[in-house]
């Protein structure tokens, strides 16, 4: 046994150092962590909806989850999902530094950082030097929720999209994505993948639209659906029909489907500068419950 000047075994000091690094760093969460993961997700059901929906369906194992869950601290004082998006759900500066260190030690696979604003912006500060510059930083996106029936009459013409309507629905989905993200998802070889994702939303009954003369004039989707919350995404109104109330009544229809039809809280997040959309959602009955941020890479 090697000894150092303190009179304690070298191996013991090595073990202590390893333990400190393990606690300080980010670790890959596994099935044995499932109960702690559920506790974290349950503590913030609206903010965690995107990740909770995946975990409820697939569990914690990365191969089934389609990404990794990282933890920080013995009781998960920090947690982050790493996949197509990097989603830091909780944690302070130490946790964000640990997540950044883990993320920067591998090839970047995410196209954005998204989630609670405090964590997203702290994490971005840690990775910006290597991943930046961002295409856009949206640092204030009100997270809104509705757990009661909508305050306005839902549009009775908004309904679930059928798979045979995919080709008519897809142009509206592409237009919405391009307006929102600033990139056409059908270019640079991404057309087949995006089409498959839209088809999956339709097949699962989570794509909604109002058709007029065979054309989509309103659309929205339930992008994530956990056992308690459904997150609405991709709200879009045809440019010729904006400022006519279609967006308000259409969103109310999707929210009604979630609240009354599925027994979930309806949620969404919106850019702070989009005053028209915020006013429409507030009219429907959505109320601000938190703050999201998105960094587009």
Protein backbone atom coordinates (compact mmCIF):
# COMPACT_ATOMS: atom_id res chain seq x y z
CA UNK A 1 0.00 0.00 0.00
CA UNK A 2 1.33 3.45 -0.91
CA UNK A 3 1.22 6.09 1.80
CA UNK A 4 1.43 9.86 1.52
CA UNK A 5 2.69 12.36 4.10
CA UNK A 6 -0.62 12.55 5.96
CA UNK A 7 -0.26 8.94 6.92
CA UNK A 8 -3.39 7.91 4.95
CA UNK A 9 -3.34 5.41 2.11
CA UNK A 10 -2.87 6.89 -1.38
CA UNK A 11 -5.72 4.70 -2.63
CA UNK A 12 -8.08 6.32 -0.13
CA UNK A 13 -7.24 9.81 -1.42
CA UNK A 14 -7.68 8.64 -4.99
CA UNK A 15 -11.13 7.30 -4.08
CA UNK A 16 -12.09 10.59 -2.42
CA UNK A 17 -10.97 12.57 -5.47
CA UNK A 18 -12.89 10.26 -7.81
CA UNK A 19 -16.01 10.60 -5.67
CA UNK A 20 -15.80 14.41 -5.69
CA UNK A 21 -15.49 14.42 -9.50
CA UNK A 22 -18.39 12.02 -9.87
CA UNK A 23 -20.67 14.14 -7.70
CA UNK A 24 -19.51 17.41 -9.32
CA UNK A 25 -19.85 16.19 -12.90
CA UNK A 26 -22.85 15.22 -14.99
CA UNK A 27 -23.70 11.53 -15.19
CA UNK A 28 -25.78 9.51 -17.58
CA UNK A 29 -29.06 8.53 -15.94
CA UNK A 30 -30.21 4.92 -16.18
CA UNK A 31 -33.26 2.85 -15.31
CA UNK A 32 -32.19 2.65 -11.67
CA UNK A 33 -32.68 6.45 -11.57
CA UNK A 34 -36.25 6.24 -12.91
CA UNK A 35 -37.99 7.13 -9.66
CA UNK A 36 -35.82 10.21 -9.16
CA UNK A 37 -36.37 11.22 -12.79
CA UNK A 38 -40.15 10.94 -12.39
CA UNK A 39 -39.97 13.04 -9.23
CA UNK A 40 -38.15 15.81 -11.10
CA UNK A 41 -40.59 15.69 -14.00
CA UNK A 42 -43.61 15.68 -11.69
CA UNK A 43 -42.33 18.74 -9.85
CA UNK A 44 -42.77 20.92 -12.95
CA UNK A 45 -45.26 19.13 -15.23
CA UNK A 46 -45.85 22.01 -17.65
CA UNK A 47 -42.19 22.97 -18.14
CA UNK A 48 -41.13 19.31 -18.33
CA UNK A 49 -43.86 18.13 -20.69
CA UNK A 50 -41.58 17.56 -23.68
CA UNK A 51 -39.24 15.30 -21.72
CA UNK A 52 -41.93 13.69 -19.58
CA UNK A 53 -43.82 12.54 -22.66
CA UNK A 54 -40.72 10.73 -23.92
CA UNK A 55 -39.88 9.17 -20.56
CA UNK A 56 -43.43 7.94 -19.98
CA UNK A 57 -43.44 6.25 -23.37
CA UNK A 58 -39.90 4.89 -23.53
CA UNK A 59 -38.35 4.92 -20.07
CA UNK A 60 -34.93 6.30 -19.24
CA UNK A 61 -32.64 4.05 -21.30
CA UNK A 62 -31.01 6.10 -24.11
CA UNK A 63 -31.64 3.52 -26.84
CA UNK A 64 -35.39 3.65 -26.23
CA UNK A 65 -35.54 7.31 -25.23
CA UNK A 66 -33.96 8.66 -28.40
CA UNK A 67 -31.53 10.72 -26.37
CA UNK A 68 -29.79 10.85 -23.02
CA UNK A 69 -30.85 12.14 -19.63
CA UNK A 70 -28.03 13.69 -17.63
CA UNK A 71 -28.14 14.20 -13.90
CA UNK A 72 -26.20 16.37 -11.49
CA UNK A 73 -26.06 15.87 -7.76
CA UNK A 74 -26.95 12.77 -5.79
CA UNK A 75 -30.61 13.82 -5.59
CA UNK A 76 -30.81 15.21 -9.14
CA UNK A 77 -30.58 18.86 -8.23
CA UNK A 78 -29.85 19.24 -11.95
CA UNK A 79 -31.26 17.37 -14.94
CA UNK A 80 -30.89 17.80 -18.70
CA UNK A 81 -32.15 15.95 -21.78
CA UNK A 82 -29.73 15.65 -24.69
CA UNK A 83 -31.14 14.73 -28.09
CA UNK A 84 -32.27 16.64 -31.17
CA UNK A 85 -32.74 19.48 -28.68
CA UNK A 86 -30.73 20.15 -25.53
CA UNK A 87 -33.28 20.67 -22.74
CA UNK A 88 -31.93 21.69 -19.31
CA UNK A 89 -34.81 21.23 -16.91
CA UNK A 90 -33.35 22.24 -13.57
CA UNK A 91 -30.12 23.17 -11.88
CA UNK A 92 -27.90 26.07 -10.94
CA UNK A 93 -24.56 27.27 -12.31
CA UNK A 94 -22.64 24.17 -11.17
CA UNK A 95 -25.09 21.85 -12.91
CA UNK A 96 -25.03 23.89 -16.12
CA UNK A 97 -21.22 23.86 -16.16
CA UNK A 98 -21.30 20.09 -15.70
CA UNK A 99 -23.83 19.66 -18.53
CA UNK A 100 -21.80 21.97 -20.76
CA UNK A 101 -18.65 19.98 -20.09
CA UNK A 102 -20.39 16.74 -21.05
CA UNK A 103 -21.93 18.30 -24.17
CA UNK A 104 -18.67 19.85 -25.35
CA UNK A 105 -16.77 16.58 -25.06
CA UNK A 106 -18.71 15.13 -28.00
CA UNK A 107 -19.91 16.10 -31.44
CA UNK A 108 -22.88 18.45 -31.28
CA UNK A 109 -26.12 16.74 -32.35
CA UNK A 110 -28.72 19.22 -31.11
CA UNK A 111 -30.19 21.96 -33.30
CA UNK A 112 -31.30 24.13 -30.40
CA UNK A 113 -31.33 24.68 -26.66
CA UNK A 114 -34.84 25.01 -25.29
CA UNK A 115 -36.49 24.94 -21.89
CA UNK A 116 -36.78 27.03 -18.73
CA UNK A 117 -35.16 30.36 -19.50
CA UNK A 118 -32.88 30.52 -16.46
CA UNK A 119 -31.28 27.16 -17.22
CA UNK A 120 -31.12 27.60 -21.01
CA UNK A 121 -29.38 30.96 -20.79
CA UNK A 122 -26.91 29.75 -18.16
CA UNK A 123 -26.09 26.69 -20.27
CA UNK A 124 -25.72 28.80 -23.41
CA UNK A 125 -23.21 31.03 -21.61
CA UNK A 126 -21.12 27.91 -21.01
CA UNK A 127 -21.19 26.52 -24.57
CA UNK A 128 -21.42 29.68 -26.68
CA UNK A 129 -17.67 30.02 -27.18
CA UNK A 130 -17.53 26.66 -28.97
CA UNK A 131 -21.04 26.37 -30.42
CA UNK A 132 -21.75 29.98 -31.27
CA UNK A 133 -22.69 32.22 -32.79
CA UNK A 134 -26.36 31.30 -32.53
CA UNK A 135 -28.69 31.93 -35.43
CA UNK A 136 -31.04 33.49 -32.91
CA UNK A 137 -31.47 33.74 -29.14
CA UNK A 138 -35.06 34.05 -27.97
CA UNK A 139 -34.51 34.82 -24.33
CA UNK A 140 -38.08 35.58 -23.29
CA UNK A 141 -40.84 33.17 -24.26
CA UNK A 142 -43.79 33.12 -21.88
CA UNK A 143 -44.81 29.57 -20.94
CA UNK A 144 -48.59 29.49 -20.76
CA UNK A 145 -51.14 26.95 -19.52
CA UNK A 146 -54.89 26.35 -19.48
CA UNK A 147 -56.47 23.72 -17.24
CA UNK A 148 -60.11 24.75 -17.69
CA UNK A 149 -62.38 24.98 -20.71
CA UNK A 150 -61.45 27.72 -23.19
CA UNK A 151 -62.97 31.15 -22.62
CA UNK A 152 -63.97 31.49 -26.27
CA UNK A 153 -66.03 29.28 -28.56
CA UNK A 154 -63.80 26.66 -30.21
CA UNK A 155 -63.88 26.61 -34.00
CA UNK A 156 -66.14 23.65 -34.90
CA UNK A 157 -64.42 23.35 -38.28
CA UNK A 158 -61.04 22.53 -36.75
CA UNK A 159 -60.59 18.77 -36.68
CA UNK A 160 -57.97 16.05 -36.65
CA UNK A 161 -56.11 15.71 -39.93
CA UNK A 162 -56.41 12.38 -41.74
CA UNK A 163 -53.37 10.65 -43.19
CA UNK A 164 -54.75 10.85 -46.73
CA UNK A 165 -54.68 14.65 -46.28
CA UNK A 166 -50.92 14.71 -45.67
CA UNK A 167 -50.05 16.30 -49.01
CA UNK A 168 -52.54 19.12 -48.45
CA UNK A 169 -51.41 19.63 -44.86
CA UNK A 170 -47.66 19.52 -45.50
CA UNK A 171 -47.31 22.91 -47.28
CA UNK A 172 -48.87 24.67 -44.29
CA UNK A 173 -46.57 22.78 -41.91
CA UNK A 174 -43.53 23.78 -43.97
CA UNK A 175 -44.69 27.42 -44.13
CA UNK A 176 -45.16 27.52 -40.35
CA UNK A 177 -41.75 25.98 -39.66
CA UNK A 178 -40.02 28.35 -42.08
CA UNK A 179 -41.70 31.41 -40.53
CA UNK A 180 -40.95 30.29 -36.97
CA UNK A 181 -37.43 28.89 -37.28
CA UNK A 182 -36.17 30.75 -40.35
CA UNK A 183 -35.17 27.57 -42.19
CA UNK A 184 -37.15 25.58 -44.76
CA UNK A 185 -37.24 22.03 -43.32
CA UNK A 186 -37.67 20.50 -46.78
CA UNK A 187 -34.29 21.72 -48.09
CA UNK A 188 -30.78 20.25 -47.73
CA UNK A 189 -32.05 16.70 -47.74
CA UNK A 190 -34.43 17.21 -44.83
CA UNK A 191 -37.66 16.85 -46.76
CA UNK A 192 -38.18 13.12 -46.21
CA UNK A 193 -37.45 13.33 -42.50
CA UNK A 194 -39.74 16.29 -41.95
CA UNK A 195 -42.51 14.66 -43.98
CA UNK A 196 -42.18 11.53 -41.83
CA UNK A 197 -42.44 13.56 -38.61
CA UNK A 198 -45.57 15.34 -39.85
CA UNK A 199 -47.07 12.02 -40.94
CA UNK A 200 -46.38 10.61 -37.47
CA UNK A 201 -48.22 13.53 -35.84
CA UNK A 202 -51.18 12.91 -38.13
CA UNK A 203 -51.19 9.16 -37.52
CA UNK A 204 -51.12 9.69 -33.76
CA UNK A 205 -54.11 12.06 -33.97
CA UNK A 206 -52.17 15.12 -32.85
CA UNK A 207 -52.41 17.30 -35.98
CA UNK A 208 -55.41 19.63 -36.32
CA UNK A 209 -56.53 21.89 -39.12
CA UNK A 210 -59.36 23.84 -40.67
CA UNK A 211 -59.67 23.19 -44.40
CA UNK A 212 -61.42 25.52 -46.82
CA UNK A 213 -61.73 24.46 -50.46
CA UNK A 214 -59.13 21.80 -49.79
CA UNK A 215 -56.59 24.27 -48.41
CA UNK A 216 -55.38 24.59 -44.83
CA UNK A 217 -56.28 27.99 -43.37
CA UNK A 218 -55.46 27.09 -39.74
CA UNK A 219 -53.24 24.42 -38.27
CA UNK A 220 -51.77 23.38 -34.95
CA UNK A 221 -50.36 20.26 -33.38
CA UNK A 222 -50.01 18.66 -29.98
CA UNK A 223 -46.27 18.33 -30.10
CA UNK A 224 -45.84 16.55 -26.77
CA UNK A 225 -48.40 14.68 -24.69
CA UNK A 226 -47.60 13.51 -21.19
CA UNK A 227 -50.03 11.91 -18.76
CA UNK A 228 -51.02 15.34 -17.40
CA UNK A 229 -50.06 18.00 -19.98
CA UNK A 230 -50.30 18.50 -23.73
CA UNK A 231 -48.06 21.06 -25.40
CA UNK A 232 -49.51 22.85 -28.43
CA UNK A 233 -47.07 23.76 -31.18
CA UNK A 234 -47.01 24.94 -34.77
CA UNK A 235 -49.98 27.29 -34.56
CA UNK A 236 -50.35 28.87 -38.00
CA UNK A 237 -52.97 30.85 -39.92
CA UNK A 238 -52.90 31.35 -43.68
CA UNK A 239 -51.52 34.85 -44.41
CA UNK A 240 -54.75 35.83 -46.23
CA UNK A 241 -56.84 34.94 -43.17
CA UNK A 242 -54.88 36.53 -40.36
CA UNK A 243 -56.52 39.02 -37.98
CA UNK A 244 -59.90 37.36 -38.59
CA UNK A 245 -60.13 35.37 -35.34
CA UNK A 246 -59.23 32.02 -36.90
CA UNK A 247 -56.13 31.69 -34.74
CA UNK A 248 -57.99 32.33 -31.51
CA UNK A 249 -60.91 30.01 -32.25
CA UNK A 250 -58.62 27.36 -33.74
CA UNK A 251 -56.31 27.34 -30.74
CA UNK A 252 -59.36 27.12 -28.50
CA UNK A 253 -60.44 24.02 -30.43
CA UNK A 254 -57.11 22.27 -29.83
CA UNK A 255 -57.05 23.35 -26.18
CA UNK A 256 -60.60 22.06 -25.76
CA UNK A 257 -59.49 18.71 -27.19
CA UNK A 258 -56.75 18.53 -24.58
CA UNK A 259 -58.71 19.75 -21.56
CA UNK A 260 -62.14 18.27 -22.17
CA UNK A 261 -61.32 15.43 -24.52
CA UNK A 262 -58.08 14.12 -23.04
CA UNK A 263 -58.19 15.42 -19.45
CA UNK A 264 -54.87 17.26 -19.75
CA UNK A 265 -53.67 20.76 -19.05
CA UNK A 266 -53.09 22.58 -22.34
CA UNK A 267 -49.79 24.43 -22.61
CA UNK A 268 -47.69 26.35 -25.11
CA UNK A 269 -44.87 28.86 -25.22
CA UNK A 270 -44.72 31.93 -27.41
CA UNK A 271 -42.20 34.59 -28.37
CA UNK A 272 -42.55 37.64 -26.15
CA UNK A 273 -42.43 39.95 -29.19
CA UNK A 274 -45.40 38.19 -30.83
CA UNK A 275 -47.99 40.42 -29.22
CA UNK A 276 -50.82 39.30 -31.50
CA UNK A 277 -50.35 35.63 -30.61
CA UNK A 278 -50.01 36.40 -26.91
CA UNK A 279 -53.25 38.38 -26.97
CA UNK A 280 -55.03 35.54 -28.77
CA UNK A 281 -53.83 32.93 -26.27
CA UNK A 282 -54.81 35.12 -23.33
CA UNK A 283 -58.26 35.53 -24.85
CA UNK A 284 -58.57 31.75 -25.04
CA UNK A 285 -57.76 31.61 -21.33
CA UNK A 286 -54.07 30.73 -21.25
CA UNK A 287 -52.15 32.24 -18.36
CA UNK A 288 -48.41 32.70 -17.93
CA UNK A 289 -46.92 30.07 -15.62
CA UNK A 290 -43.22 30.38 -16.40
CA UNK A 291 -40.57 31.50 -18.83
CA UNK A 292 -38.88 29.57 -21.62
CA UNK A 293 -35.94 30.48 -23.81
CA UNK A 294 -34.73 29.04 -27.11
CA UNK A 295 -31.31 29.24 -28.71
CA UNK A 296 -31.39 28.31 -32.40
CA UNK A 297 -28.10 26.90 -33.64
